[in-house]
Amino acid sequence: MNFSFFASPRWRAWGLWLLPVLLLILATVRPLSMPDEGRYAEVGRWMWMSGDWLTPRVDGIPFFHKPPLLYWLEAASMAVFGATPWAARLVVALHACLMLGLMVACVRHFAGADTARRAGWVLGTSMTFLVAGQYVNTDMMVATWMGVAIWCFARAFMHDGGMHANWARAGFVACALGVLSKGLIGLLLPGLVLFVWIAVTWQWRKILALPWVSGLLLFAAIALPWFVLAAREHPDMLAYMFGKHQFGRYTATTFNNARPWWFYGMAVTVLLFPWIFFAAADGVQRLRQCWRKSTSEDNAAWVALCWIWVLAILGFFSIPNSKLIGYALPVMPPLAALAALWWQRHWVNRTWSAWLFGALSLLGLGVAGVANDYAGVFTLERSTRGVAQAVVCHVGTDDVLAVVDDYPYDVMFYAQRQRPIEVIQDWVREEQEAGDDWRRELMDGVAFDPPAGAVLQPLPRLAELRTNEHAWVLAPRWHKAFRTETYAGFAEVYKDDAWILYRGVNATGQLAGAAKSPEAAEQKRLRGCEDQGKK
């Protein structure tokens, strides 16, 4: 295969536009991953459907784990494109494109067009862009705004004519949007990176030249209003969001996803494969230069920024016991820039350089495509996409829909229901025993709106639903607590590998108008509904 087209600067420039197109295509081919995508997409749908743009909600229950920027943008996207997984993913994908585009623009300014284009291909053919760039949660959003803030302040500080006020103001705006994306880290981590960089490069005097008044006013005007209004509507919300779900998660050892200290080394390897090895080579070379005290670098200031960016953020996230791969996303732009810079300095003039770069680009694309496909296959093992069609076909808008033993975040999204789903559990026991899971999430939210807690029903509720032909119950077949005897007396309506949909029966043990068994009648109705849907 001929990879020589990668040697053309024109191709590397115009070909970059194909990567966002590919990202948007990949965003259409898999179901919502659980629990994150189902949860965050449904919060956005509920906000759009209810018209309540102040209080994010899951199943009608307040959800204050994260600030609302993702949900606002999802609701706006769904208003235009409808409540589809692609509409929810579009918000994240556009942020990934912003991350890619601004990195290319800033690397072009600091290191030239060739390095910038190559950095674009490095980031754009990685799992960071093609997989994480269309995964619905807040990680890509906050990573993007943190990167925008760092790049903007760097451009402001390194401007030839002195401090560039407008770049600095853009940095303040980016910090505000980062805070609205995921909280304090949107401000804290860019500040940490820039503080260390300013100290290392000895640029203290420039701090006084920052447009502090206008910058802080912009930050406050964007970031603060929602927090003030939401806290007035829901007292203790700020303590819950910042105390428990930010400071608490950072310092405690009781939350999920405990990982060893070296976890983020693996994470960056996965997210930037195969390019991570060239960034590592740059790091090894610079360590040797520092050891020999032979550093001579035309771009020393921005290269130092890139490495401080990587080390400070990965170091920060390596401290807590709980670690997630998405927390490595903020360091992907500087790593891509460093990988491209190393290639330009060492291999760009080799005769086989274009061939190898093309092969590695295709390898990155292939790995991302396989990972995206595997994620879809894995998700289908628990997805409610199939049973949601049965819900649409059979469950009336005023009927009761309940679930036992699990909370399927995606069923409400796929079924487009407006009435909350009832969640049946032994809630007295769960209050004492539930850990960092969906049960605790729902119980915590009820504290902010007790009437919304009516959807949390005790186990005796199941007996009531057995004799109500307008009641429907979802049961997860894969769940370890699943027992068929729990649903004795219900009519089985739909069944796939992951879920069963049951219906209550009337006092005579029959469904209204059913001449045969309830199960046979409902299976016939379902087949007719599915056939109509296909037509």
Protein backbone atom coordinates (compact mmCIF):
# COMPACT_ATOMS: atom_id res chain seq x y z
CA MET A 1 0.00 0.00 0.00
CA ASN A 2 1.26 3.44 -0.94
CA PHE A 3 1.42 5.82 2.00
CA SER A 4 3.40 8.51 0.20
CA PHE A 5 0.37 10.82 0.14
CA PHE A 6 1.09 11.49 3.81
CA ALA A 7 4.25 13.26 2.67
CA SER A 8 2.15 15.99 1.07
CA PRO A 9 1.63 19.00 3.35
CA ARG A 10 -1.54 19.81 1.42
CA TRP A 11 -2.99 16.37 2.14
CA ARG A 12 -2.03 16.54 5.80
CA ALA A 13 -3.79 19.91 6.02
CA TRP A 14 -6.99 19.11 4.10
CA GLY A 15 -7.12 15.49 5.23
CA LEU A 16 -7.52 16.64 8.82
CA TRP A 17 -11.07 17.69 7.92
CA LEU A 18 -11.95 14.04 7.34
CA LEU A 19 -11.25 13.12 10.94
CA PRO A 20 -14.18 15.11 12.43
CA VAL A 21 -16.42 13.55 9.77
CA LEU A 22 -15.23 10.09 10.80
CA LEU A 23 -15.85 10.99 14.44
CA LEU A 24 -19.44 11.95 13.72
CA ILE A 25 -19.97 8.73 11.76
CA LEU A 26 -18.60 6.57 14.58
CA ALA A 27 -20.95 8.37 16.98
CA THR A 28 -23.93 6.81 15.16
CA VAL A 29 -23.01 3.13 15.22
CA ARG A 30 -23.22 1.95 18.83
CA PRO A 31 -25.89 2.02 21.54
CA LEU A 32 -25.59 4.14 24.64
CA SER A 33 -22.95 2.71 26.97
CA MET A 34 -24.00 2.04 30.54
CA PRO A 35 -24.10 3.64 32.96
CA ASP A 36 -22.48 6.92 31.91
CA GLU A 37 -23.96 7.56 28.49
CA GLY A 38 -27.42 6.41 29.52
CA ARG A 39 -27.33 8.63 32.60
CA TYR A 40 -25.96 11.81 31.02
CA ALA A 41 -28.03 11.57 27.84
CA GLU A 42 -31.21 11.02 29.87
CA VAL A 43 -30.49 14.01 32.13
CA GLY A 44 -30.19 16.15 29.01
CA ARG A 45 -33.40 14.69 27.53
CA TRP A 46 -35.28 15.26 30.78
CA MET A 47 -34.11 18.88 30.88
CA TRP A 48 -35.27 19.43 27.29
CA MET A 49 -38.59 17.64 27.88
CA SER A 50 -39.41 19.30 31.20
CA GLY A 51 -38.22 22.80 30.38
CA ASP A 52 -36.47 22.97 33.78
CA TRP A 53 -33.02 24.27 32.89
CA LEU A 54 -32.06 24.93 36.51
CA THR A 55 -32.18 21.48 38.13
CA PRO A 56 -30.59 18.48 36.38
CA ARG A 57 -32.68 15.37 37.10
CA VAL A 58 -32.48 11.60 36.77
CA ASP A 59 -35.95 10.02 36.68
CA GLY A 60 -37.34 13.28 38.03
CA ILE A 61 -34.91 13.23 40.97
CA PRO A 62 -32.32 16.06 41.31
CA PHE A 63 -28.86 15.06 40.13
CA PHE A 64 -26.16 17.38 41.43
CA HIS A 65 -23.05 15.29 40.82
CA LYS A 66 -21.94 17.66 38.04
CA PRO A 67 -22.68 21.25 36.92
CA PRO A 68 -25.13 21.67 34.04
CA LEU A 69 -23.20 22.73 30.93
CA LEU A 70 -23.35 19.26 29.32
CA TYR A 71 -27.08 19.00 29.97
CA TRP A 72 -27.81 22.47 28.63
CA LEU A 73 -25.98 21.75 25.40
CA GLU A 74 -27.56 18.29 25.09
CA ALA A 75 -31.02 19.78 25.55
CA ALA A 76 -30.29 22.38 22.87
CA SER A 77 -28.95 19.69 20.53
CA MET A 78 -32.02 17.52 21.09
CA ALA A 79 -34.29 20.47 20.43
CA VAL A 80 -32.74 20.67 16.95
CA PHE A 81 -31.99 17.03 16.09
CA GLY A 82 -34.37 15.11 18.35
CA ALA A 83 -33.65 12.96 21.39
CA THR A 84 -31.21 10.50 19.82
CA PRO A 85 -27.86 9.14 21.01
CA TRP A 86 -26.19 11.02 18.16
CA ALA A 87 -27.68 14.32 19.31
CA ALA A 88 -26.26 13.75 22.80
CA ARG A 89 -22.87 12.71 21.41
CA LEU A 90 -22.72 15.72 19.11
CA VAL A 91 -22.06 17.95 22.12
CA VAL A 92 -19.01 15.92 23.14
CA ALA A 93 -17.82 15.52 19.55
CA LEU A 94 -17.82 19.28 18.97
CA HIS A 95 -15.72 19.72 22.10
CA ALA A 96 -13.27 17.11 20.81
CA CYS A 97 -13.05 19.04 17.53
CA LEU A 98 -12.36 22.23 19.48
CA MET A 99 -9.60 20.43 21.38
CA LEU A 100 -8.06 19.27 18.09
CA GLY A 101 -8.47 22.56 16.24
CA LEU A 102 -7.06 24.82 18.94
CA MET A 103 -4.11 22.50 19.50
CA VAL A 104 -3.28 22.64 15.79
CA ALA A 105 -3.59 26.44 15.75
CA CYS A 106 -1.37 26.91 18.81
CA VAL A 107 1.28 24.39 17.77
CA ARG A 108 1.37 26.13 14.40
CA HIS A 109 2.06 29.42 16.21
CA PHE A 110 4.79 27.96 18.42
CA ALA A 111 6.44 25.35 16.15
CA GLY A 112 5.31 25.87 12.58
CA ALA A 113 2.71 24.49 10.19
CA ASP A 114 4.34 21.11 9.51
CA THR A 115 4.55 20.18 13.19
CA ALA A 116 1.01 21.44 13.76
CA ARG A 117 -0.46 19.32 10.97
CA ARG A 118 1.39 16.28 12.18
CA ALA A 119 0.17 16.89 15.74
CA GLY A 120 -3.35 17.06 14.36
CA TRP A 121 -2.99 13.63 12.77
CA VAL A 122 -1.46 12.22 15.95
CA LEU A 123 -4.38 13.34 18.10
CA GLY A 124 -7.03 12.83 15.43
CA THR A 125 -6.18 9.18 14.72
CA SER A 126 -6.08 8.20 18.38
CA MET A 127 -8.75 6.75 20.66
CA THR A 128 -8.74 10.08 22.48
CA PHE A 129 -10.43 11.75 19.53
CA LEU A 130 -12.32 8.94 17.81
CA VAL A 131 -13.67 7.07 20.85
CA ALA A 132 -13.50 9.33 23.92
CA GLY A 133 -14.42 12.21 21.60
CA GLN A 134 -17.96 10.86 21.23
CA TYR A 135 -18.52 9.27 24.64
CA VAL A 136 -21.27 11.08 26.52
CA ASN A 137 -19.96 12.29 29.85
CA THR A 138 -18.24 15.39 31.18
CA ASP A 139 -14.62 14.22 30.82
CA MET A 140 -13.98 15.39 27.26
CA MET A 141 -15.75 18.69 27.92
CA VAL A 142 -13.70 19.63 30.95
CA ALA A 143 -10.51 18.39 29.29
CA THR A 144 -11.24 20.63 26.31
CA TRP A 145 -11.91 23.76 28.35
CA MET A 146 -8.87 23.13 30.54
CA GLY A 147 -6.78 22.87 27.38
CA VAL A 148 -8.34 26.00 25.91
CA ALA A 149 -7.52 27.90 29.10
CA ILE A 150 -3.89 26.75 29.14
CA TRP A 151 -3.32 27.46 25.44
CA CYS A 152 -4.95 30.90 25.70
CA PHE A 153 -2.95 32.01 28.72
CA ALA A 154 0.23 30.66 27.09
CA ARG A 155 -0.48 32.72 23.97
CA ALA A 156 -1.10 35.74 26.18
CA PHE A 157 2.14 35.33 28.12
CA MET A 158 4.31 34.52 25.08
CA HIS A 159 3.01 37.30 22.86
CA ASP A 160 5.90 39.22 21.30
CA GLY A 161 4.50 42.63 22.11
CA GLY A 162 3.89 41.89 25.78
CA MET A 163 0.81 40.52 27.49
CA HIS A 164 -2.01 39.91 24.99
CA ALA A 165 -5.13 40.91 26.91
CA ASN A 166 -7.70 39.27 24.63
CA TRP A 167 -6.00 35.88 24.74
CA ALA A 168 -5.94 36.18 28.53
CA ARG A 169 -9.64 37.09 28.63
CA ALA A 170 -10.37 34.04 26.49
CA GLY A 171 -8.50 32.02 29.11
CA PHE A 172 -10.74 33.36 31.88
CA VAL A 173 -13.82 32.44 29.82
CA ALA A 174 -12.47 28.93 29.25
CA CYS A 175 -11.92 28.48 33.00
CA ALA A 176 -15.53 29.51 33.63
CA LEU A 177 -16.80 26.98 31.08
CA GLY A 178 -14.55 24.35 32.62
CA VAL A 179 -16.13 25.00 36.01
CA LEU A 180 -19.60 24.70 34.47
CA SER A 181 -18.50 21.43 32.86
CA LYS A 182 -17.20 19.57 35.90
CA GLY A 183 -16.59 21.87 38.82
CA LEU A 184 -13.50 23.24 40.48
CA ILE A 185 -10.96 21.24 38.48
CA GLY A 186 -11.89 23.40 35.48
CA LEU A 187 -10.17 26.27 37.31
CA LEU A 188 -7.77 24.51 39.66
CA LEU A 189 -5.84 22.40 37.17
CA PRO A 190 -5.19 25.09 34.52
CA GLY A 191 -4.10 27.30 37.41
CA LEU A 192 -1.75 24.61 38.70
CA VAL A 193 -0.16 24.04 35.29
CA LEU A 194 0.27 27.74 34.61
CA PHE A 195 1.61 28.48 38.09
CA VAL A 196 4.34 25.83 37.79
CA TRP A 197 5.16 26.95 34.24
CA ILE A 198 5.41 30.61 35.25
CA ALA A 199 7.66 29.64 38.15
CA VAL A 200 9.94 27.48 35.99
CA THR A 201 10.21 30.06 33.19
CA TRP A 202 10.42 32.96 35.64
CA GLN A 203 7.59 35.09 34.22
CA TRP A 204 6.28 36.45 37.52
CA ARG A 205 6.18 40.08 36.41
CA LYS A 206 3.78 39.27 33.59
CA ILE A 207 1.14 38.20 36.08
CA LEU A 208 0.62 41.85 36.99
CA ALA A 209 -0.14 42.63 33.35
CA LEU A 210 -3.07 40.22 33.17
CA PRO A 211 -6.47 41.91 32.65
CA TRP A 212 -7.62 40.88 36.12
CA VAL A 213 -10.67 43.10 36.40
CA SER A 214 -12.27 42.30 33.04
CA GLY A 215 -11.12 38.67 33.21
CA LEU A 216 -12.60 38.00 36.63
CA LEU A 217 -15.81 39.78 35.70
CA LEU A 218 -16.14 37.53 32.64
CA PHE A 219 -15.44 34.47 34.76
CA ALA A 220 -18.00 35.45 37.38
CA ALA A 221 -20.67 36.39 34.84
CA ILE A 222 -20.40 32.97 33.16
CA ALA A 223 -19.63 30.59 36.01
CA LEU A 224 -21.49 31.91 39.06
CA PRO A 225 -25.17 32.56 38.17
CA TRP A 226 -26.21 28.90 37.97
CA PHE A 227 -24.52 28.00 41.26
CA VAL A 228 -26.22 30.93 43.00
CA LEU A 229 -29.69 30.16 41.60
CA ALA A 230 -29.42 26.40 42.12
CA ALA A 231 -28.19 26.82 45.71
CA ARG A 232 -31.07 29.18 46.45
CA GLU A 233 -33.54 26.65 45.08
CA HIS A 234 -31.83 23.64 46.69
CA PRO A 235 -30.02 24.46 49.95
CA ASP A 236 -26.93 22.33 50.67
CA MET A 237 -26.44 21.68 46.95
CA LEU A 238 -23.02 23.33 46.95
CA ALA A 239 -21.85 21.31 49.95
CA TYR A 240 -23.05 18.13 48.25
CA MET A 241 -21.46 18.85 44.86
CA PHE A 242 -18.17 20.31 46.02
CA GLY A 243 -17.86 18.63 49.40
CA LYS A 244 -18.92 15.07 48.65
CA HIS A 245 -18.46 14.66 44.92
CA GLN A 246 -15.28 16.64 44.43
CA PHE A 247 -13.25 17.03 47.59
CA GLY A 248 -14.72 13.84 49.04
CA ARG A 249 -13.97 11.73 45.99
CA TYR A 250 -10.45 13.11 45.85
CA THR A 251 -9.58 12.33 49.47
CA ALA A 252 -11.69 9.29 50.37
CA THR A 253 -11.04 5.61 49.69
CA THR A 254 -14.68 4.47 49.72
CA PHE A 255 -15.64 5.39 46.15
CA ASN A 256 -15.56 3.06 43.15
CA ASN A 257 -12.74 2.59 40.63
CA ALA A 258 -9.81 2.09 43.01
CA ARG A 259 -6.67 1.78 40.88
CA PRO A 260 -2.90 1.60 41.53
CA TRP A 261 -0.67 4.68 41.23
CA TRP A 262 0.64 3.66 37.79
CA PHE A 263 -2.86 3.51 36.27
CA TYR A 264 -2.47 6.69 34.23
CA GLY A 265 0.64 5.40 32.53
CA MET A 266 -1.52 2.67 31.06
CA ALA A 267 -4.33 5.13 30.37
CA VAL A 268 -2.23 7.50 28.22
CA THR A 269 -0.78 4.52 26.34
CA VAL A 270 -4.27 3.33 25.42
CA LEU A 271 -5.65 6.76 24.59
CA LEU A 272 -2.72 7.86 22.39
CA PHE A 273 -1.62 4.53 20.91
CA PRO A 274 0.60 4.19 18.89
CA TRP A 275 1.89 7.77 19.12
CA ILE A 276 2.58 7.76 22.84
CA PHE A 277 5.97 6.13 22.27
CA PHE A 278 7.22 9.16 20.32
CA ALA A 279 6.15 11.50 23.12
CA ALA A 280 7.97 9.19 25.54
CA ALA A 281 11.06 9.33 23.32
CA ASP A 282 10.96 13.12 23.51
CA GLY A 283 10.78 12.92 27.28
CA VAL A 284 13.74 10.53 27.50
CA GLN A 285 15.80 12.76 25.24
CA ARG A 286 15.06 15.84 27.34
CA LEU A 287 15.94 14.02 30.55
CA ARG A 288 19.31 13.11 29.05
CA GLN A 289 19.86 16.70 27.99
CA CYS A 290 19.04 17.93 31.48
CA TRP A 291 21.43 15.37 32.97
CA ARG A 292 24.20 16.51 30.65
CA LYS A 293 23.17 20.17 31.01
CA SER A 294 23.20 20.47 27.23
CA THR A 295 19.69 21.81 26.66
CA SER A 296 19.46 24.14 23.68
CA GLU A 297 15.90 24.49 22.45
CA ASP A 298 14.43 27.27 20.37
CA ASN A 299 10.96 26.44 21.69
CA ALA A 300 12.00 25.79 25.28
CA ALA A 301 9.16 27.79 26.89
CA TRP A 302 6.24 26.08 25.17
CA VAL A 303 7.87 22.65 25.32
CA ALA A 304 8.33 23.17 29.05
CA LEU A 305 4.64 24.10 29.23
CA CYS A 306 3.67 20.84 27.50
CA TRP A 307 5.66 18.65 29.87
CA ILE A 308 4.52 20.56 32.96
CA TRP A 309 0.96 20.21 31.65
CA VAL A 310 1.36 16.43 31.41
CA LEU A 311 3.18 15.85 34.69
CA ALA A 312 1.13 18.22 36.85
CA ILE A 313 -2.26 16.87 35.79
CA LEU A 314 -1.30 13.20 35.82
CA GLY A 315 0.38 13.71 39.18
CA PHE A 316 -2.73 15.41 40.56
CA PHE A 317 -5.05 12.61 39.46
CA SER A 318 -2.68 9.86 40.59
CA ILE A 319 -3.02 10.88 44.25
CA PRO A 320 -6.63 9.77 44.95
CA ASN A 321 -7.59 6.14 45.31
CA SER A 322 -10.36 6.44 42.71
CA LYS A 323 -9.08 6.77 39.14
CA LEU A 324 -10.86 6.89 35.78
CA ILE A 325 -9.34 6.69 32.30
CA GLY A 326 -11.22 9.84 31.26
CA TYR A 327 -9.16 11.89 33.72
CA ALA A 328 -6.17 11.41 31.42
CA LEU A 329 -7.87 13.25 28.54
CA PRO A 330 -6.58 16.74 29.50
CA VAL A 331 -2.97 15.72 28.79
CA MET A 332 -3.58 14.36 25.29
CA PRO A 333 -3.05 17.65 23.37
CA PRO A 334 0.43 18.33 24.82
CA LEU A 335 1.45 14.70 24.36
CA ALA A 336 0.33 14.80 20.72
CA ALA A 337 2.29 18.02 20.20
CA LEU A 338 5.41 16.49 21.77
CA ALA A 339 5.11 13.34 19.66
CA ALA A 340 4.82 15.43 16.49
CA LEU A 341 7.76 17.62 17.51
CA TRP A 342 9.96 14.58 18.09
CA TRP A 343 9.02 13.15 14.68
CA GLN A 344 9.77 16.45 12.94
CA ARG A 345 13.17 16.71 14.59
CA HIS A 346 14.33 13.12 14.07
CA TRP A 347 12.47 11.27 11.32
CA VAL A 348 10.81 13.70 8.95
CA ASN A 349 13.69 13.61 6.44
CA ARG A 350 14.01 9.82 6.37
CA THR A 351 13.02 8.21 3.08
CA TRP A 352 10.59 5.87 4.81
CA SER A 353 9.08 8.54 7.07
CA ALA A 354 5.89 9.09 5.07
CA TRP A 355 5.30 5.36 4.74
CA LEU A 356 5.68 4.79 8.46
CA PHE A 357 3.56 7.79 9.43
CA GLY A 358 0.79 6.61 7.10
CA ALA A 359 0.94 3.08 8.46
CA LEU A 360 0.79 4.30 12.05
CA SER A 361 -2.12 6.60 11.20
CA LEU A 362 -4.05 3.68 9.73
CA LEU A 363 -3.13 1.56 12.74
CA GLY A 364 -4.54 4.23 15.05
CA LEU A 365 -7.71 4.45 12.98
CA GLY A 366 -8.06 0.67 13.01
CA VAL A 367 -7.56 0.39 16.76
CA ALA A 368 -10.13 3.13 17.39
CA GLY A 369 -12.62 1.50 15.03
CA VAL A 370 -12.25 -1.91 16.67
CA ALA A 371 -12.53 -0.38 20.14
CA ASN A 372 -15.69 1.47 19.15
CA ASP A 373 -17.21 -1.69 17.70
CA TYR A 374 -16.27 -3.77 20.74
CA ALA A 375 -17.80 -1.14 23.03
CA GLY A 376 -21.05 -1.48 21.11
CA VAL A 377 -21.04 -5.28 21.35
CA PHE A 378 -20.25 -5.15 25.06
CA THR A 379 -22.97 -2.60 25.68
CA LEU A 380 -25.64 -4.76 24.02
CA GLU A 381 -25.21 -7.35 26.77
CA ARG A 382 -27.11 -5.02 29.12
CA SER A 383 -28.65 -2.43 26.81
CA THR A 384 -32.40 -1.84 26.97
CA ARG A 385 -32.59 -0.76 23.34
CA GLY A 386 -34.55 -3.90 22.49
CA VAL A 387 -36.94 -3.91 25.42
CA ALA A 388 -37.50 -0.18 24.99
CA GLN A 389 -39.20 -0.95 21.67
CA ALA A 390 -41.59 -3.23 23.55
CA VAL A 391 -42.22 -0.43 26.03
CA VAL A 392 -43.07 1.95 23.18
CA CYS A 393 -45.39 -0.62 21.61
CA HIS A 394 -47.31 -1.62 24.72
CA VAL A 395 -46.92 0.69 27.70
CA GLY A 396 -49.40 3.54 27.72
CA THR A 397 -48.35 7.04 28.67
CA ASP A 398 -50.33 6.80 31.91
CA ASP A 399 -49.38 3.20 32.67
CA VAL A 400 -47.00 2.36 35.50
CA LEU A 401 -43.54 1.23 34.43
CA ALA A 402 -41.32 -0.18 37.18
CA VAL A 403 -37.97 -1.90 37.47
CA VAL A 404 -36.57 -4.30 40.07
CA ASP A 405 -32.93 -5.09 40.96
CA ASP A 406 -31.37 -2.47 38.69
CA TYR A 407 -31.81 1.01 37.25
CA PRO A 408 -31.64 1.03 33.42
CA TYR A 409 -30.66 4.61 32.66
CA ASP A 410 -31.12 4.17 28.93
CA VAL A 411 -34.67 2.72 28.80
CA MET A 412 -36.34 6.08 29.44
CA PHE A 413 -34.18 7.67 26.75
CA TYR A 414 -34.92 5.02 24.12
CA ALA A 415 -38.62 4.81 25.00
CA GLN A 416 -38.96 8.62 25.20
CA ARG A 417 -41.22 8.35 28.24
CA GLN A 418 -42.33 11.38 30.22
CA ARG A 419 -43.61 9.60 33.31
CA PRO A 420 -40.78 8.52 35.63
CA ILE A 421 -40.05 4.84 36.08
CA GLU A 422 -40.68 3.40 39.54
CA VAL A 423 -37.64 1.78 41.14
CA ILE A 424 -38.54 -1.08 43.50
CA GLN A 425 -36.02 -2.00 46.17
CA ASP A 426 -35.72 -2.62 49.90
CA TRP A 427 -34.86 1.03 50.40
CA VAL A 428 -34.59 0.79 54.19
CA ARG A 429 -31.82 -1.76 53.81
CA GLU A 430 -30.23 0.12 50.90
CA GLU A 431 -30.02 3.27 53.02
CA GLN A 432 -27.71 1.37 55.35
CA GLU A 433 -25.78 -0.78 52.84
CA ALA A 434 -25.71 0.95 49.45
CA GLY A 435 -22.27 2.06 48.33
CA ASP A 436 -21.17 4.37 45.54
CA ASP A 437 -23.78 3.21 43.03
CA TRP A 438 -27.08 4.13 41.40
CA ARG A 439 -29.03 3.40 44.59
CA ARG A 440 -27.05 5.96 46.59
CA GLU A 441 -27.31 8.38 43.68
CA LEU A 442 -31.11 8.26 43.69
CA MET A 443 -31.41 8.38 47.49
CA ASP A 444 -29.09 11.38 47.71
CA GLY A 445 -31.11 13.24 45.09
CA VAL A 446 -34.38 12.76 46.98
CA ALA A 447 -33.00 14.88 49.82
CA PHE A 448 -33.19 17.92 47.50
CA ASP A 449 -36.78 17.23 46.39
CA PRO A 450 -38.63 14.78 48.69
CA PRO A 451 -41.81 14.60 46.54
CA ALA A 452 -39.68 13.29 43.66
CA GLY A 453 -38.80 10.34 45.88
CA ALA A 454 -42.23 8.85 45.22
CA VAL A 455 -40.63 6.86 42.39
CA LEU A 456 -38.57 4.92 44.96
CA GLN A 457 -40.99 2.17 45.95
CA PRO A 458 -40.59 -0.60 48.57
CA LEU A 459 -40.75 -4.30 47.74
CA PRO A 460 -44.45 -4.74 48.65
CA ARG A 461 -45.22 -2.51 45.67
CA LEU A 462 -44.49 -5.49 43.43
CA ALA A 463 -47.48 -7.38 44.86
CA GLU A 464 -49.74 -4.41 44.09
CA LEU A 465 -48.60 -4.31 40.46
CA ARG A 466 -49.36 -8.01 39.89
CA THR A 467 -53.10 -7.31 39.80
CA ASN A 468 -52.89 -4.11 37.78
CA GLU A 469 -53.12 -4.69 34.05
CA HIS A 470 -51.86 -1.16 33.52
CA ALA A 471 -48.62 -1.94 35.34
CA TRP A 472 -45.41 -3.13 33.69
CA VAL A 473 -42.21 -4.38 35.29
CA LEU A 474 -38.71 -4.62 33.84
CA ALA A 475 -36.41 -7.36 35.14
CA PRO A 476 -32.68 -7.67 34.33
CA ARG A 477 -31.98 -11.29 33.33
CA TRP A 478 -28.23 -10.86 33.77
CA HIS A 479 -28.48 -9.58 37.35
CA LYS A 480 -27.26 -11.95 40.05
CA ALA A 481 -30.39 -11.25 42.10
CA PHE A 482 -32.76 -12.18 39.27
CA ARG A 483 -35.23 -14.94 40.23
CA THR A 484 -38.14 -15.96 38.02
CA GLU A 485 -40.27 -16.72 41.06
CA THR A 486 -40.12 -13.05 42.02
CA TYR A 487 -42.33 -12.32 39.00
CA ALA A 488 -44.79 -15.19 39.42
CA GLY A 489 -48.27 -14.01 38.54
CA PHE A 490 -47.09 -11.49 35.94
CA ALA A 491 -47.54 -12.03 32.23
CA GLU A 492 -44.28 -12.21 30.29
CA VAL A 493 -44.56 -9.81 27.36
CA TYR A 494 -41.07 -9.52 25.93
CA LYS A 495 -37.76 -11.23 26.50
CA ASP A 496 -34.26 -10.83 25.10
CA ASP A 497 -30.80 -11.79 26.33
CA ALA A 498 -30.67 -8.91 28.82
CA TRP A 499 -34.20 -7.94 29.90
CA ILE A 500 -37.74 -9.24 30.41
CA LEU A 501 -40.83 -7.04 30.33
CA TYR A 502 -43.74 -8.27 32.48
CA ARG A 503 -47.30 -7.03 32.69
CA GLY A 504 -49.71 -7.21 35.60
CA VAL A 505 -53.01 -9.03 35.15
CA ASN A 506 -56.53 -8.18 36.35
CA ALA A 507 -58.35 -9.77 39.26
CA THR A 508 -59.45 -12.74 37.12
CA GLY A 509 -55.88 -13.52 36.12
CA GLN A 510 -56.53 -12.47 32.51
CA LEU A 511 -55.54 -9.48 30.44
CA ALA A 512 -58.45 -7.42 29.22
CA GLY A 513 -59.77 -8.86 25.93
CA ALA A 514 -57.39 -11.83 25.97
CA ALA A 515 -59.05 -15.06 24.86
CA LYS A 516 -55.88 -17.07 25.29
CA SER A 517 -53.16 -16.94 27.90
CA PRO A 518 -51.84 -13.46 28.82
CA GLU A 519 -48.39 -14.38 27.56
CA ALA A 520 -49.66 -15.51 24.15
CA ALA A 521 -51.86 -12.44 23.75
CA GLU A 522 -49.04 -10.06 24.52
CA GLN A 523 -46.52 -11.85 22.31
CA LYS A 524 -49.00 -11.55 19.43
CA ARG A 525 -49.45 -7.83 20.07
CA LEU A 526 -45.69 -7.34 20.23
CA ARG A 527 -45.14 -9.09 16.89
CA GLY A 528 -47.76 -6.87 15.29
CA CYS A 529 -46.17 -3.76 16.78
CA GLU A 530 -42.71 -4.78 15.60
CA ASP A 531 -44.01 -5.55 12.09
CA GLN A 532 -45.65 -2.13 11.94
CA GLY A 533 -42.41 -0.52 13.05
CA LYS A 534 -40.48 -2.25 10.28
CA LYS A 535 -42.94 -1.00 7.69
